[in-house]
Amino acid sequence: VLVAYFVSFYYNVIIAWSIYFVYASFSFTLPWTSCNNSWNTADCWDGLTSEEPRPNISRLMSPSEEYFNYVVLQLHKSDGFD
């Protein structure tokens, strides 16, 4: 019963994320397709539509990865697990 309890938390989070992304996808342009948004950092690089060459930075993030980290999870507001 305890294992089923924790597994249900896991699947409920995945279902909540999918509902969130379906709701967010109703905009005219998808918010995670470009680096021209308020939540994007200087490390954002869009390799598909960017005309500039890939910079030599090892910590580059895609726009979709930044959307997930900074809008969905809001990791920039947390110092860690505590």
PDB file of N, CA and C in Angstrom:
ATOM      1  N   VAL A   1       0.826  -1.186   0.000  1.00  0.00           N
ATOM      2  CA  VAL A   1       0.000   0.000   0.000  1.00  0.00           C
ATOM      3  C   VAL A   1       0.872   1.251   0.000  1.00  0.00           C
ATOM      4  N   LEU A   2       1.957   1.209   0.737  1.00  0.00           N
ATOM      5  CA  LEU A   2       2.859   2.356   0.812  1.00  0.00           C
ATOM      6  C   LEU A   2       3.515   2.635  -0.542  1.00  0.00           C
ATOM      7  N   VAL A   3       3.908   1.596  -1.255  1.00  0.00           N
ATOM      8  CA  VAL A   3       4.511   1.772  -2.580  1.00  0.00           C
ATOM      9  C   VAL A   3       3.487   2.358  -3.551  1.00  0.00           C
ATOM     10  N   ALA A   4       2.279   1.869  -3.514  1.00  0.00           N
ATOM     11  CA  ALA A   4       1.237   2.406  -4.390  1.00  0.00           C
ATOM     12  C   ALA A   4       0.953   3.865  -4.059  1.00  0.00           C
ATOM     13  N   TYR A   5       1.044   4.246  -2.815  1.00  0.00           N
ATOM     14  CA  TYR A   5       0.836   5.623  -2.390  1.00  0.00           C
ATOM     15  C   TYR A   5       1.880   6.548  -3.011  1.00  0.00           C
ATOM     16  N   PHE A   6       3.155   6.151  -2.964  1.00  0.00           N
ATOM     17  CA  PHE A   6       4.216   6.975  -3.530  1.00  0.00           C
ATOM     18  C   PHE A   6       4.197   6.966  -5.055  1.00  0.00           C
ATOM     19  N   VAL A   7       3.858   5.870  -5.662  1.00  0.00           N
ATOM     20  CA  VAL A   7       3.755   5.806  -7.122  1.00  0.00           C
ATOM     21  C   VAL A   7       2.620   6.701  -7.615  1.00  0.00           C
ATOM     22  N   SER A   8       1.538   6.775  -6.863  1.00  0.00           N
ATOM     23  CA  SER A   8       0.439   7.645  -7.268  1.00  0.00           C
ATOM     24  C   SER A   8       0.855   9.102  -7.243  1.00  0.00           C
ATOM     25  N   PHE A   9       1.708   9.516  -6.315  1.00  0.00           N
ATOM     26  CA  PHE A   9       2.247  10.878  -6.329  1.00  0.00           C
ATOM     27  C   PHE A   9       3.028  11.136  -7.606  1.00  0.00           C
ATOM     28  N   TYR A  10       3.854  10.182  -7.980  1.00  0.00           N
ATOM     29  CA  TYR A  10       4.683  10.298  -9.177  1.00  0.00           C
ATOM     30  C   TYR A  10       3.809  10.484 -10.422  1.00  0.00           C
ATOM     31  N   TYR A  11       2.821   9.643 -10.601  1.00  0.00           N
ATOM     32  CA  TYR A  11       1.975   9.732 -11.790  1.00  0.00           C
ATOM     33  C   TYR A  11       1.075  10.964 -11.770  1.00  0.00           C
ATOM     34  N   ASN A  12       0.647  11.395 -10.606  1.00  0.00           N
ATOM     35  CA  ASN A  12      -0.153  12.614 -10.532  1.00  0.00           C
ATOM     36  C   ASN A  12       0.646  13.836 -10.932  1.00  0.00           C
ATOM     37  N   VAL A  13       1.923  13.873 -10.604  1.00  0.00           N
ATOM     38  CA  VAL A  13       2.784  14.984 -11.027  1.00  0.00           C
ATOM     39  C   VAL A  13       2.942  14.976 -12.545  1.00  0.00           C
ATOM     40  N   ILE A  14       3.146  13.821 -13.130  1.00  0.00           N
ATOM     41  CA  ILE A  14       3.283  13.722 -14.586  1.00  0.00           C
ATOM     42  C   ILE A  14       1.989  14.149 -15.281  1.00  0.00           C
ATOM     43  N   ILE A  15       0.860  13.749 -14.760  1.00  0.00           N
ATOM     44  CA  ILE A  15      -0.424  14.156 -15.342  1.00  0.00           C
ATOM     45  C   ILE A  15      -0.616  15.657 -15.204  1.00  0.00           C
ATOM     46  N   ALA A  16      -0.235  16.225 -14.070  1.00  0.00           N
ATOM     47  CA  ALA A  16      -0.367  17.676 -13.876  1.00  0.00           C
ATOM     48  C   ALA A  16       0.522  18.440 -14.847  1.00  0.00           C
ATOM     49  N   TRP A  17       1.747  17.962 -15.087  1.00  0.00           N
ATOM     50  CA  TRP A  17       2.631  18.617 -16.052  1.00  0.00           C
ATOM     51  C   TRP A  17       2.024  18.552 -17.452  1.00  0.00           C
ATOM     52  N   SER A  18       1.472  17.425 -17.824  1.00  0.00           N
ATOM     53  CA  SER A  18       0.896  17.312 -19.168  1.00  0.00           C
ATOM     54  C   SER A  18      -0.306  18.241 -19.325  1.00  0.00           C
ATOM     55  N   ILE A  19      -1.126  18.375 -18.304  1.00  0.00           N
ATOM     56  CA  ILE A  19      -2.254  19.310 -18.374  1.00  0.00           C
ATOM     57  C   ILE A  19      -1.750  20.738 -18.470  1.00  0.00           C
ATOM     58  N   TYR A  20      -0.702  21.061 -17.729  1.00  0.00           N
ATOM     59  CA  TYR A  20      -0.114  22.405 -17.777  1.00  0.00           C
ATOM     60  C   TYR A  20       0.411  22.718 -19.180  1.00  0.00           C
ATOM     61  N   PHE A  21       1.123  21.775 -19.795  1.00  0.00           N
ATOM     62  CA  PHE A  21       1.667  22.003 -21.131  1.00  0.00           C
ATOM     63  C   PHE A  21       0.572  22.073 -22.196  1.00  0.00           C
ATOM     64  N   VAL A  22      -0.491  21.313 -22.052  1.00  0.00           N
ATOM     65  CA  VAL A  22      -1.607  21.413 -22.993  1.00  0.00           C
ATOM     66  C   VAL A  22      -2.238  22.794 -22.897  1.00  0.00           C
ATOM     67  N   TYR A  23      -2.435  23.286 -21.693  1.00  0.00           N
ATOM     68  CA  TYR A  23      -3.001  24.622 -21.499  1.00  0.00           C
ATOM     69  C   TYR A  23      -2.066  25.693 -22.062  1.00  0.00           C
ATOM     70  N   ALA A  24      -0.760  25.562 -21.826  1.00  0.00           N
ATOM     71  CA  ALA A  24       0.201  26.550 -22.318  1.00  0.00           C
ATOM     72  C   ALA A  24       0.340  26.511 -23.836  1.00  0.00           C
ATOM     73  N   SER A  25       0.007  25.412 -24.466  1.00  0.00           N
ATOM     74  CA  SER A  25       0.166  25.290 -25.914  1.00  0.00           C
ATOM     75  C   SER A  25      -0.977  25.930 -26.696  1.00  0.00           C
ATOM     76  N   PHE A  26      -1.974  26.481 -26.033  1.00  0.00           N
ATOM     77  CA  PHE A  26      -3.072  27.139 -26.732  1.00  0.00           C
ATOM     78  C   PHE A  26      -2.709  28.537 -27.212  1.00  0.00           C
ATOM     79  N   SER A  27      -1.510  29.015 -26.935  1.00  0.00           N
ATOM     80  CA  SER A  27      -1.100  30.332 -27.424  1.00  0.00           C
ATOM     81  C   SER A  27      -0.742  30.241 -28.905  1.00  0.00           C
ATOM     82  N   PHE A  28      -0.678  31.399 -29.563  1.00  0.00           N
ATOM     83  CA  PHE A  28      -0.408  31.426 -31.001  1.00  0.00           C
ATOM     84  C   PHE A  28       0.979  30.874 -31.307  1.00  0.00           C
ATOM     85  N   THR A  29       1.981  31.330 -30.567  1.00  0.00           N
ATOM     86  CA  THR A  29       3.322  30.751 -30.678  1.00  0.00           C
ATOM     87  C   THR A  29       3.636  30.057 -29.366  1.00  0.00           C
ATOM     88  N   LEU A  30       4.211  28.909 -29.447  1.00  0.00           N
ATOM     89  CA  LEU A  30       4.526  28.164 -28.234  1.00  0.00           C
ATOM     90  C   LEU A  30       5.582  28.914 -27.428  1.00  0.00           C
ATOM     91  N   PRO A  31       5.407  29.035 -26.131  1.00  0.00           N
ATOM     92  CA  PRO A  31       6.330  29.840 -25.338  1.00  0.00           C
ATOM     93  C   PRO A  31       7.724  29.234 -25.209  1.00  0.00           C
ATOM     94  N   TRP A  32       7.901  27.975 -25.507  1.00  0.00           N
ATOM     95  CA  TRP A  32       9.198  27.330 -25.346  1.00  0.00           C
ATOM     96  C   TRP A  32       9.938  27.142 -26.668  1.00  0.00           C
ATOM     97  N   THR A  33       9.591  27.923 -27.688  1.00  0.00           N
ATOM     98  CA  THR A  33      10.239  27.757 -28.991  1.00  0.00           C
ATOM     99  C   THR A  33      11.353  28.756 -29.270  1.00  0.00           C
ATOM    100  N   SER A  34      11.455  29.836 -28.488  1.00  0.00           N
ATOM    101  CA  SER A  34      12.488  30.828 -28.784  1.00  0.00           C
ATOM    102  C   SER A  34      13.123  31.331 -27.495  1.00  0.00           C
ATOM    103  N   CYS A  35      14.228  32.024 -27.647  1.00  0.00           N
ATOM    104  CA  CYS A  35      14.948  32.591 -26.509  1.00  0.00           C
ATOM    105  C   CYS A  35      14.575  34.046 -26.265  1.00  0.00           C
ATOM    106  N   ASN A  36      13.498  34.529 -26.841  1.00  0.00           N
ATOM    107  CA  ASN A  36      13.094  35.927 -26.716  1.00  0.00           C
ATOM    108  C   ASN A  36      12.008  36.119 -25.669  1.00  0.00           C
ATOM    109  N   ASN A  37      12.127  35.470 -24.540  1.00  0.00           N
ATOM    110  CA  ASN A  37      11.123  35.561 -23.487  1.00  0.00           C
ATOM    111  C   ASN A  37      11.751  36.132 -22.221  1.00  0.00           C
ATOM    112  N   SER A  38      10.918  36.554 -21.294  1.00  0.00           N
ATOM    113  CA  SER A  38      11.414  37.195 -20.079  1.00  0.00           C
ATOM    114  C   SER A  38      12.140  36.223 -19.156  1.00  0.00           C
ATOM    115  N   TRP A  39      11.846  34.937 -19.215  1.00  0.00           N
ATOM    116  CA  TRP A  39      12.481  33.977 -18.320  1.00  0.00           C
ATOM    117  C   TRP A  39      13.788  33.420 -18.877  1.00  0.00           C
ATOM    118  N   ASN A  40      14.109  33.692 -20.117  1.00  0.00           N
ATOM    119  CA  ASN A  40      15.329  33.161 -20.701  1.00  0.00           C
ATOM    120  C   ASN A  40      16.561  33.861 -20.148  1.00  0.00           C
ATOM    121  N   THR A  41      17.628  33.104 -20.014  1.00  0.00           N
ATOM    122  CA  THR A  41      18.891  33.632 -19.518  1.00  0.00           C
ATOM    123  C   THR A  41      19.841  33.852 -20.682  1.00  0.00           C
ATOM    124  N   ALA A  42      21.027  34.334 -20.376  1.00  0.00           N
ATOM    125  CA  ALA A  42      22.044  34.545 -21.414  1.00  0.00           C
ATOM    126  C   ALA A  42      22.575  33.215 -21.946  1.00  0.00           C
ATOM    127  N   ASP A  43      22.363  32.132 -21.223  1.00  0.00           N
ATOM    128  CA  ASP A  43      22.829  30.810 -21.643  1.00  0.00           C
ATOM    129  C   ASP A  43      21.872  30.125 -22.612  1.00  0.00           C
ATOM    130  N   CYS A  44      20.759  30.756 -22.930  1.00  0.00           N
ATOM    131  CA  CYS A  44      19.787  30.170 -23.852  1.00  0.00           C
ATOM    132  C   CYS A  44      20.302  30.287 -25.283  1.00  0.00           C
ATOM    133  N   TRP A  45      20.222  29.192 -26.013  1.00  0.00           N
ATOM    134  CA  TRP A  45      20.633  29.187 -27.418  1.00  0.00           C
ATOM    135  C   TRP A  45      19.676  28.315 -28.193  1.00  0.00           C
ATOM    136  N   ASP A  46      19.051  28.921 -29.173  1.00  0.00           N
ATOM    137  CA  ASP A  46      18.123  28.203 -30.036  1.00  0.00           C
ATOM    138  C   ASP A  46      18.864  27.813 -31.301  1.00  0.00           C
ATOM    139  N   GLY A  47      19.212  26.573 -31.420  1.00  0.00           N
ATOM    140  CA  GLY A  47      20.005  26.113 -32.550  1.00  0.00           C
ATOM    141  C   GLY A  47      19.255  26.026 -33.857  1.00  0.00           C
ATOM    142  N   LEU A  48      17.922  26.051 -33.809  1.00  0.00           N
ATOM    143  CA  LEU A  48      17.153  25.896 -35.038  1.00  0.00           C
ATOM    144  C   LEU A  48      16.956  27.212 -35.769  1.00  0.00           C
ATOM    145  N   THR A  49      16.624  28.272 -35.049  1.00  0.00           N
ATOM    146  CA  THR A  49      16.326  29.542 -35.707  1.00  0.00           C
ATOM    147  C   THR A  49      17.403  30.591 -35.496  1.00  0.00           C
ATOM    148  N   SER A  50      18.415  30.281 -34.708  1.00  0.00           N
ATOM    149  CA  SER A  50      19.477  31.252 -34.443  1.00  0.00           C
ATOM    150  C   SER A  50      20.407  31.345 -35.641  1.00  0.00           C
ATOM    151  N   GLU A  51      20.708  32.576 -36.047  1.00  0.00           N
ATOM    152  CA  GLU A  51      21.614  32.764 -37.177  1.00  0.00           C
ATOM    153  C   GLU A  51      23.067  32.858 -36.736  1.00  0.00           C
ATOM    154  N   GLU A  52      23.288  33.053 -35.462  1.00  0.00           N
ATOM    155  CA  GLU A  52      24.658  33.144 -34.967  1.00  0.00           C
ATOM    156  C   GLU A  52      25.200  31.745 -34.689  1.00  0.00           C
ATOM    157  N   PRO A  53      26.508  31.566 -34.781  1.00  0.00           N
ATOM    158  CA  PRO A  53      27.076  30.235 -34.542  1.00  0.00           C
ATOM    159  C   PRO A  53      26.965  29.844 -33.073  1.00  0.00           C
ATOM    160  N   ARG A  54      27.104  28.572 -32.829  1.00  0.00           N
ATOM    161  CA  ARG A  54      27.019  28.064 -31.455  1.00  0.00           C
ATOM    162  C   ARG A  54      28.185  28.592 -30.633  1.00  0.00           C
ATOM    163  N   PRO A  55      27.893  29.256 -29.503  1.00  0.00           N
ATOM    164  CA  PRO A  55      28.980  29.758 -28.663  1.00  0.00           C
ATOM    165  C   PRO A  55      29.703  28.625 -27.953  1.00  0.00           C
ATOM    166  N   ASN A  56      30.914  28.890 -27.531  1.00  0.00           N
ATOM    167  CA  ASN A  56      31.719  27.885 -26.842  1.00  0.00           C
ATOM    168  C   ASN A  56      31.460  27.940 -25.335  1.00  0.00           C
ATOM    169  N   ILE A  57      30.227  27.706 -24.961  1.00  0.00           N
ATOM    170  CA  ILE A  57      29.836  27.674 -23.555  1.00  0.00           C
ATOM    171  C   ILE A  57      29.284  26.287 -23.274  1.00  0.00           C
ATOM    172  N   SER A  58      29.781  25.657 -22.219  1.00  0.00           N
ATOM    173  CA  SER A  58      29.358  24.289 -21.943  1.00  0.00           C
ATOM    174  C   SER A  58      27.997  24.229 -21.256  1.00  0.00           C
ATOM    175  N   ARG A  59      27.485  25.326 -20.728  1.00  0.00           N
ATOM    176  CA  ARG A  59      26.229  25.304 -19.992  1.00  0.00           C
ATOM    177  C   ARG A  59      25.050  25.831 -20.809  1.00  0.00           C
ATOM    178  N   LEU A  60      25.096  25.713 -22.109  1.00  0.00           N
ATOM    179  CA  LEU A  60      23.989  26.169 -22.954  1.00  0.00           C
ATOM    180  C   LEU A  60      22.721  25.374 -22.657  1.00  0.00           C
ATOM    181  N   MET A  61      21.599  26.068 -22.708  1.00  0.00           N
ATOM    182  CA  MET A  61      20.311  25.426 -22.475  1.00  0.00           C
ATOM    183  C   MET A  61      19.377  25.760 -23.628  1.00  0.00           C
ATOM    184  N   SER A  62      18.544  24.826 -23.988  1.00  0.00           N
ATOM    185  CA  SER A  62      17.559  25.066 -25.035  1.00  0.00           C
ATOM    186  C   SER A  62      16.408  25.895 -24.465  1.00  0.00           C
ATOM    187  N   PRO A  63      15.635  26.553 -25.321  1.00  0.00           N
ATOM    188  CA  PRO A  63      14.486  27.321 -24.819  1.00  0.00           C
ATOM    189  C   PRO A  63      13.462  26.448 -24.091  1.00  0.00           C
ATOM    190  N   SER A  64      13.268  25.234 -24.551  1.00  0.00           N
ATOM    191  CA  SER A  64      12.307  24.360 -23.877  1.00  0.00           C
ATOM    192  C   SER A  64      12.806  23.933 -22.500  1.00  0.00           C
ATOM    193  N   GLU A  65      14.112  23.714 -22.382  1.00  0.00           N
ATOM    194  CA  GLU A  65      14.678  23.358 -21.083  1.00  0.00           C
ATOM    195  C   GLU A  65      14.569  24.522 -20.099  1.00  0.00           C
ATOM    196  N   GLU A  66      14.817  25.739 -20.579  1.00  0.00           N
ATOM    197  CA  GLU A  66      14.674  26.907 -19.710  1.00  0.00           C
ATOM    198  C   GLU A  66      13.217  27.144 -19.338  1.00  0.00           C
ATOM    199  N   TYR A  67      12.297  26.910 -20.252  1.00  0.00           N
ATOM    200  CA  TYR A  67      10.878  27.056 -19.928  1.00  0.00           C
ATOM    201  C   TYR A  67      10.478  26.082 -18.821  1.00  0.00           C
ATOM    202  N   PHE A  68      10.923  24.852 -18.934  1.00  0.00           N
ATOM    203  CA  PHE A  68      10.581  23.859 -17.922  1.00  0.00           C
ATOM    204  C   PHE A  68      11.205  24.208 -16.574  1.00  0.00           C
ATOM    205  N   ASN A  69      12.474  24.623 -16.574  1.00  0.00           N
ATOM    206  CA  ASN A  69      13.162  24.908 -15.319  1.00  0.00           C
ATOM    207  C   ASN A  69      12.701  26.201 -14.664  1.00  0.00           C
ATOM    208  N   TYR A  70      12.492  27.266 -15.455  1.00  0.00           N
ATOM    209  CA  TYR A  70      12.234  28.584 -14.878  1.00  0.00           C
ATOM    210  C   TYR A  70      10.761  28.971 -14.823  1.00  0.00           C
ATOM    211  N   VAL A  71       9.920  28.365 -15.635  1.00  0.00           N
ATOM    212  CA  VAL A  71       8.489  28.702 -15.607  1.00  0.00           C
ATOM    213  C   VAL A  71       7.691  27.599 -14.916  1.00  0.00           C
ATOM    214  N   VAL A  72       7.903  26.371 -15.331  1.00  0.00           N
ATOM    215  CA  VAL A  72       7.119  25.274 -14.760  1.00  0.00           C
ATOM    216  C   VAL A  72       7.599  24.934 -13.354  1.00  0.00           C
ATOM    217  N   LEU A  73       8.898  24.646 -13.203  1.00  0.00           N
ATOM    218  CA  LEU A  73       9.429  24.251 -11.903  1.00  0.00           C
ATOM    219  C   LEU A  73       9.834  25.431 -11.028  1.00  0.00           C
ATOM    220  N   GLN A  74      10.115  26.582 -11.629  1.00  0.00           N
ATOM    221  CA  GLN A  74      10.567  27.800 -10.951  1.00  0.00           C
ATOM    222  C   GLN A  74      11.789  27.517 -10.062  1.00  0.00           C
ATOM    223  N   LEU A  75      12.800  26.888 -10.650  1.00  0.00           N
ATOM    224  CA  LEU A  75      14.003  26.531  -9.915  1.00  0.00           C
ATOM    225  C   LEU A  75      14.813  27.737  -9.466  1.00  0.00           C
ATOM    226  N   HIS A  76      14.688  28.866 -10.146  1.00  0.00           N
ATOM    227  CA  HIS A  76      15.457  30.039  -9.776  1.00  0.00           C
ATOM    228  C   HIS A  76      14.983  30.648  -8.453  1.00  0.00           C
ATOM    229  N   LYS A  77      13.841  30.253  -7.953  1.00  0.00           N
ATOM    230  CA  LYS A  77      13.319  30.762  -6.682  1.00  0.00           C
ATOM    231  C   LYS A  77      13.711  29.904  -5.494  1.00  0.00           C
ATOM    232  N   SER A  78      14.435  28.822  -5.733  1.00  0.00           N
ATOM    233  CA  SER A  78      14.785  27.899  -4.675  1.00  0.00           C
ATOM    234  C   SER A  78      16.297  27.818  -4.516  1.00  0.00           C
ATOM    235  N   ASP A  79      16.742  27.676  -3.267  1.00  0.00           N
ATOM    236  CA  ASP A  79      18.161  27.498  -2.982  1.00  0.00           C
ATOM    237  C   ASP A  79      18.558  26.037  -2.944  1.00  0.00           C
ATOM    238  N   GLY A  80      17.604  25.148  -2.932  1.00  0.00           N
ATOM    239  CA  GLY A  80      17.904  23.733  -2.871  1.00  0.00           C
ATOM    240  C   GLY A  80      16.680  22.958  -2.425  1.00  0.00           C
ATOM    241  N   PHE A  81      16.917  21.778  -1.875  1.00  0.00           N
ATOM    242  CA  PHE A  81      15.811  20.925  -1.431  1.00  0.00           C
ATOM    243  C   PHE A  81      15.166  21.414  -0.142  1.00  0.00           C
ATOM    244  N   ASP A  82      15.890  22.179   0.631  1.00  0.00           N
ATOM    245  CA  ASP A  82      15.328  22.633   1.905  1.00  0.00           C
ATOM    246  C   ASP A  82      14.438  23.779   1.638  1.00  0.00           C
TER     247      ASP A  82
END
